[in-house]
Amino acid sequence: MESKDFEQIYEQYKIHGEENARKEVANQNKVSGKEEIVAVRKNDDGDIIAIKTDNGRELDYVSALEEAKSGKLANVDVFHKYGRDILRSEPDGIKENNLDQLPTF
């Protein structure tokens, strides 16, 4: 009976999925013309209070929410929780583009 390395098979699956996700996101951004968030500013509590786009624009959190709601920002969603709107990264399988993982400015 052949022995399978389930961990290795799963790791290859994840790597392949991440590569495909990167390609899909890059293609979607080119086609959509939406700005991408490339950096964030956080307060002392670690909350995101502003974002910076790939066009160099710096937006406060409330303005970023409004732009995301109107479809001007790529790879983010707005959802309502705890009585307020919250900006979050789309679950695309790419850890590096999650808002909490972006560089600060």
N, C-alpha and C. Protein backbone atom coordinates (compact mmCIF):
# COMPACT_ATOMS: atom_id res chain seq x y z
N MET A 1 0.85 -1.17 0.00
CA MET A 1 0.00 0.00 0.00
C MET A 1 0.90 1.25 0.00
N GLU A 2 0.56 2.20 -0.83
CA GLU A 2 1.33 3.44 -0.95
C GLU A 2 1.05 4.38 0.22
N SER A 3 2.10 4.97 0.75
CA SER A 3 1.96 5.90 1.86
C SER A 3 1.89 7.32 1.29
N LYS A 4 0.94 8.09 1.74
CA LYS A 4 0.78 9.47 1.27
C LYS A 4 1.22 10.43 2.36
N ASP A 5 1.83 11.51 1.94
CA ASP A 5 2.20 12.58 2.87
C ASP A 5 1.10 13.64 2.80
N PHE A 6 0.11 13.49 3.66
CA PHE A 6 -1.05 14.37 3.63
C PHE A 6 -0.67 15.83 3.87
N GLU A 7 0.29 16.06 4.76
CA GLU A 7 0.74 17.44 5.04
C GLU A 7 1.32 18.07 3.78
N GLN A 8 2.17 17.34 3.08
CA GLN A 8 2.80 17.88 1.88
C GLN A 8 1.77 18.16 0.79
N ILE A 9 0.84 17.24 0.62
CA ILE A 9 -0.21 17.42 -0.38
C ILE A 9 -1.03 18.68 -0.07
N TYR A 10 -1.37 18.86 1.20
CA TYR A 10 -2.16 20.03 1.59
C TYR A 10 -1.36 21.31 1.41
N GLU A 11 -0.07 21.30 1.76
CA GLU A 11 0.77 22.49 1.60
C GLU A 11 0.87 22.88 0.12
N GLN A 12 1.02 21.92 -0.76
CA GLN A 12 1.06 22.21 -2.20
C GLN A 12 -0.26 22.80 -2.67
N TYR A 13 -1.35 22.26 -2.15
CA TYR A 13 -2.68 22.78 -2.47
C TYR A 13 -2.79 24.25 -2.06
N LYS A 14 -2.33 24.59 -0.85
CA LYS A 14 -2.40 25.98 -0.37
C LYS A 14 -1.52 26.90 -1.21
N ILE A 15 -0.30 26.46 -1.52
CA ILE A 15 0.61 27.27 -2.33
C ILE A 15 0.01 27.54 -3.70
N HIS A 16 -0.52 26.50 -4.31
CA HIS A 16 -1.13 26.66 -5.64
C HIS A 16 -2.32 27.62 -5.56
N GLY A 17 -3.13 27.50 -4.52
CA GLY A 17 -4.28 28.38 -4.34
C GLY A 17 -3.87 29.83 -4.15
N GLU A 18 -2.80 30.06 -3.38
CA GLU A 18 -2.32 31.43 -3.16
C GLU A 18 -1.80 32.04 -4.46
N GLU A 19 -1.09 31.25 -5.25
CA GLU A 19 -0.58 31.74 -6.53
C GLU A 19 -1.74 32.13 -7.44
N ASN A 20 -2.76 31.28 -7.51
CA ASN A 20 -3.93 31.59 -8.33
C ASN A 20 -4.67 32.81 -7.81
N ALA A 21 -4.79 32.94 -6.50
CA ALA A 21 -5.47 34.09 -5.92
C ALA A 21 -4.75 35.38 -6.28
N ARG A 22 -3.42 35.37 -6.20
CA ARG A 22 -2.64 36.57 -6.56
C ARG A 22 -2.90 36.98 -8.00
N LYS A 23 -2.92 36.02 -8.90
CA LYS A 23 -3.17 36.30 -10.32
C LYS A 23 -4.57 36.87 -10.52
N GLU A 24 -5.56 36.24 -9.86
CA GLU A 24 -6.94 36.71 -10.00
C GLU A 24 -7.11 38.13 -9.47
N VAL A 25 -6.54 38.41 -8.31
CA VAL A 25 -6.65 39.74 -7.71
C VAL A 25 -5.98 40.78 -8.61
N ALA A 26 -4.79 40.46 -9.11
CA ALA A 26 -4.08 41.40 -9.99
C ALA A 26 -4.90 41.68 -11.24
N ASN A 27 -5.48 40.66 -11.83
CA ASN A 27 -6.30 40.85 -13.03
C ASN A 27 -7.55 41.66 -12.73
N GLN A 28 -8.20 41.38 -11.61
CA GLN A 28 -9.40 42.12 -11.24
C GLN A 28 -9.09 43.60 -11.03
N ASN A 29 -7.97 43.88 -10.39
CA ASN A 29 -7.60 45.27 -10.13
C ASN A 29 -7.31 46.02 -11.43
N LYS A 30 -6.66 45.37 -12.37
CA LYS A 30 -6.38 46.00 -13.67
C LYS A 30 -7.66 46.33 -14.40
N VAL A 31 -8.58 45.39 -14.43
CA VAL A 31 -9.83 45.56 -15.15
C VAL A 31 -10.74 46.57 -14.48
N SER A 32 -10.81 46.54 -13.16
CA SER A 32 -11.76 47.38 -12.44
C SER A 32 -11.33 48.84 -12.36
N GLY A 33 -10.03 49.10 -12.36
CA GLY A 33 -9.53 50.45 -12.21
C GLY A 33 -9.66 50.99 -10.80
N LYS A 34 -9.98 50.13 -9.85
CA LYS A 34 -10.13 50.55 -8.46
C LYS A 34 -8.77 50.75 -7.82
N GLU A 35 -8.73 51.64 -6.84
CA GLU A 35 -7.51 51.85 -6.08
C GLU A 35 -7.33 50.74 -5.07
N GLU A 36 -6.09 50.38 -4.83
CA GLU A 36 -5.78 49.34 -3.86
C GLU A 36 -5.17 49.99 -2.62
N ILE A 37 -5.52 49.48 -1.46
CA ILE A 37 -4.93 49.97 -0.21
C ILE A 37 -3.55 49.34 -0.07
N VAL A 38 -2.53 50.19 0.11
CA VAL A 38 -1.16 49.68 0.19
C VAL A 38 -0.51 49.89 1.55
N ALA A 39 -1.11 50.74 2.39
CA ALA A 39 -0.56 51.00 3.73
C ALA A 39 -1.67 51.49 4.64
N VAL A 40 -1.44 51.36 5.94
CA VAL A 40 -2.43 51.80 6.93
C VAL A 40 -1.75 52.61 8.02
N ARG A 41 -2.54 53.42 8.69
CA ARG A 41 -2.07 54.12 9.89
C ARG A 41 -2.91 53.61 11.05
N LYS A 42 -2.24 53.31 12.16
CA LYS A 42 -2.93 52.77 13.33
C LYS A 42 -2.75 53.70 14.52
N ASN A 43 -3.73 53.66 15.44
CA ASN A 43 -3.60 54.43 16.67
C ASN A 43 -2.84 53.60 17.70
N ASP A 44 -2.70 54.10 18.89
CA ASP A 44 -1.94 53.40 19.94
C ASP A 44 -2.58 52.07 20.35
N ASP A 45 -3.88 51.91 20.10
CA ASP A 45 -4.57 50.65 20.42
C ASP A 45 -4.45 49.63 19.30
N GLY A 46 -3.82 50.02 18.18
CA GLY A 46 -3.68 49.11 17.04
C GLY A 46 -4.84 49.14 16.07
N ASP A 47 -5.77 50.11 16.27
CA ASP A 47 -6.90 50.25 15.36
C ASP A 47 -6.47 51.02 14.12
N ILE A 48 -6.95 50.60 12.96
CA ILE A 48 -6.66 51.32 11.72
C ILE A 48 -7.47 52.61 11.73
N ILE A 49 -6.78 53.74 11.56
CA ILE A 49 -7.46 55.04 11.57
C ILE A 49 -7.37 55.76 10.23
N ALA A 50 -6.53 55.24 9.31
CA ALA A 50 -6.39 55.85 7.98
C ALA A 50 -5.78 54.82 7.05
N ILE A 51 -5.96 55.05 5.75
CA ILE A 51 -5.37 54.15 4.74
C ILE A 51 -4.66 54.99 3.68
N LYS A 52 -3.74 54.35 2.97
CA LYS A 52 -3.06 54.98 1.84
C LYS A 52 -3.28 54.09 0.63
N THR A 53 -3.62 54.70 -0.51
CA THR A 53 -3.89 53.92 -1.73
C THR A 53 -2.66 53.87 -2.63
N ASP A 54 -2.74 53.01 -3.62
CA ASP A 54 -1.64 52.89 -4.58
C ASP A 54 -1.48 54.15 -5.43
N ASN A 55 -2.46 55.04 -5.41
CA ASN A 55 -2.33 56.34 -6.09
C ASN A 55 -1.74 57.41 -5.18
N GLY A 56 -1.40 57.02 -3.93
CA GLY A 56 -0.79 57.95 -2.99
C GLY A 56 -1.78 58.74 -2.15
N ARG A 57 -3.08 58.48 -2.32
CA ARG A 57 -4.05 59.21 -1.52
C ARG A 57 -4.09 58.66 -0.11
N GLU A 58 -4.21 59.55 0.86
CA GLU A 58 -4.35 59.18 2.26
C GLU A 58 -5.77 59.54 2.69
N LEU A 59 -6.50 58.54 3.18
CA LEU A 59 -7.89 58.73 3.56
C LEU A 59 -8.09 58.38 5.03
N ASP A 60 -8.85 59.22 5.74
CA ASP A 60 -9.21 58.86 7.10
C ASP A 60 -10.15 57.66 7.02
N TYR A 61 -10.37 57.00 8.15
CA TYR A 61 -11.15 55.76 8.18
C TYR A 61 -12.56 55.95 7.65
N VAL A 62 -13.22 57.02 8.04
CA VAL A 62 -14.60 57.26 7.60
C VAL A 62 -14.66 57.47 6.09
N SER A 63 -13.73 58.23 5.54
CA SER A 63 -13.68 58.44 4.09
C SER A 63 -13.40 57.13 3.36
N ALA A 64 -12.51 56.30 3.92
CA ALA A 64 -12.20 55.00 3.32
C ALA A 64 -13.45 54.11 3.31
N LEU A 65 -14.22 54.14 4.38
CA LEU A 65 -15.48 53.38 4.42
C LEU A 65 -16.41 53.82 3.30
N GLU A 66 -16.56 55.13 3.13
CA GLU A 66 -17.46 55.65 2.10
C GLU A 66 -16.98 55.25 0.70
N GLU A 67 -15.67 55.33 0.47
CA GLU A 67 -15.14 54.96 -0.85
C GLU A 67 -15.29 53.46 -1.09
N ALA A 68 -15.12 52.66 -0.05
CA ALA A 68 -15.30 51.22 -0.20
C ALA A 68 -16.76 50.90 -0.50
N LYS A 69 -17.67 51.56 0.20
CA LYS A 69 -19.10 51.34 -0.04
C LYS A 69 -19.50 51.70 -1.46
N SER A 70 -18.87 52.73 -2.01
CA SER A 70 -19.21 53.15 -3.37
C SER A 70 -18.42 52.38 -4.43
N GLY A 71 -17.62 51.41 -4.00
CA GLY A 71 -16.93 50.55 -4.96
C GLY A 71 -15.64 51.11 -5.53
N LYS A 72 -15.06 52.11 -4.90
CA LYS A 72 -13.85 52.73 -5.43
C LYS A 72 -12.56 52.08 -4.94
N LEU A 73 -12.64 51.23 -3.90
CA LEU A 73 -11.45 50.59 -3.36
C LEU A 73 -11.49 49.08 -3.64
N ALA A 74 -10.36 48.55 -4.07
CA ALA A 74 -10.27 47.13 -4.41
C ALA A 74 -9.97 46.28 -3.19
N ASN A 75 -10.43 45.06 -3.22
CA ASN A 75 -10.06 44.01 -2.27
C ASN A 75 -10.50 44.26 -0.83
N VAL A 76 -11.53 45.08 -0.64
CA VAL A 76 -12.05 45.31 0.71
C VAL A 76 -13.57 45.22 0.70
N ASP A 77 -14.11 44.89 1.86
CA ASP A 77 -15.55 44.84 2.07
C ASP A 77 -15.89 45.72 3.26
N VAL A 78 -17.13 46.14 3.31
CA VAL A 78 -17.64 46.86 4.47
C VAL A 78 -18.75 46.00 5.05
N PHE A 79 -18.69 45.75 6.34
CA PHE A 79 -19.78 45.04 6.99
C PHE A 79 -20.17 45.78 8.25
N HIS A 80 -21.37 45.52 8.70
CA HIS A 80 -21.93 46.23 9.84
C HIS A 80 -21.91 45.31 11.05
N LYS A 81 -21.27 45.76 12.13
CA LYS A 81 -21.19 44.97 13.35
C LYS A 81 -20.99 45.93 14.52
N TYR A 82 -21.55 45.59 15.66
CA TYR A 82 -21.41 46.40 16.87
C TYR A 82 -21.92 47.83 16.66
N GLY A 83 -22.94 47.99 15.83
CA GLY A 83 -23.55 49.28 15.63
C GLY A 83 -22.78 50.22 14.72
N ARG A 84 -21.81 49.70 13.99
CA ARG A 84 -21.03 50.57 13.10
C ARG A 84 -20.54 49.79 11.89
N ASP A 85 -20.12 50.52 10.87
CA ASP A 85 -19.54 49.89 9.68
C ASP A 85 -18.06 49.63 9.94
N ILE A 86 -17.59 48.52 9.40
CA ILE A 86 -16.20 48.12 9.59
C ILE A 86 -15.60 47.75 8.24
N LEU A 87 -14.41 48.24 7.99
CA LEU A 87 -13.67 47.96 6.76
C LEU A 87 -12.82 46.73 6.99
N ARG A 88 -12.87 45.78 6.04
CA ARG A 88 -12.01 44.61 6.19
C ARG A 88 -11.58 44.10 4.81
N SER A 89 -10.50 43.38 4.80
CA SER A 89 -9.98 42.80 3.57
C SER A 89 -10.92 41.71 3.08
N GLU A 90 -11.02 41.58 1.75
CA GLU A 90 -11.79 40.48 1.20
C GLU A 90 -11.05 39.18 1.51
N PRO A 91 -11.76 38.13 1.83
CA PRO A 91 -11.10 36.85 2.10
C PRO A 91 -10.66 36.20 0.78
N ASP A 92 -9.46 36.59 0.32
CA ASP A 92 -8.98 36.11 -0.98
C ASP A 92 -7.86 35.09 -0.86
N GLY A 93 -7.50 34.70 0.36
CA GLY A 93 -6.46 33.70 0.53
C GLY A 93 -5.05 34.24 0.51
N ILE A 94 -4.91 35.57 0.44
CA ILE A 94 -3.58 36.19 0.42
C ILE A 94 -3.38 36.92 1.73
N LYS A 95 -2.52 36.41 2.58
CA LYS A 95 -2.33 37.01 3.90
C LYS A 95 -1.68 38.39 3.82
N GLU A 96 -0.77 38.57 2.87
CA GLU A 96 0.01 39.81 2.80
C GLU A 96 -0.83 41.03 2.49
N ASN A 97 -2.00 40.86 1.86
CA ASN A 97 -2.79 42.05 1.55
C ASN A 97 -3.91 42.29 2.56
N ASN A 98 -3.92 41.53 3.67
CA ASN A 98 -4.86 41.81 4.74
C ASN A 98 -4.51 43.15 5.37
N LEU A 99 -5.51 43.93 5.69
CA LEU A 99 -5.26 45.28 6.21
C LEU A 99 -4.28 45.29 7.39
N ASP A 100 -4.43 44.35 8.30
CA ASP A 100 -3.53 44.32 9.47
C ASP A 100 -2.10 43.95 9.11
N GLN A 101 -1.88 43.38 7.93
CA GLN A 101 -0.54 42.97 7.52
C GLN A 101 0.18 44.02 6.67
N LEU A 102 -0.55 45.05 6.24
CA LEU A 102 0.04 46.06 5.37
C LEU A 102 1.03 46.92 6.14
N PRO A 103 2.00 47.51 5.42
CA PRO A 103 2.93 48.42 6.09
C PRO A 103 2.19 49.65 6.61
N THR A 104 2.81 50.33 7.54
CA THR A 104 2.22 51.56 8.09
C THR A 104 2.84 52.77 7.41
N PHE A 105 2.11 53.88 7.47
CA PHE A 105 2.63 55.14 6.93
C PHE A 105 2.47 56.23 7.95
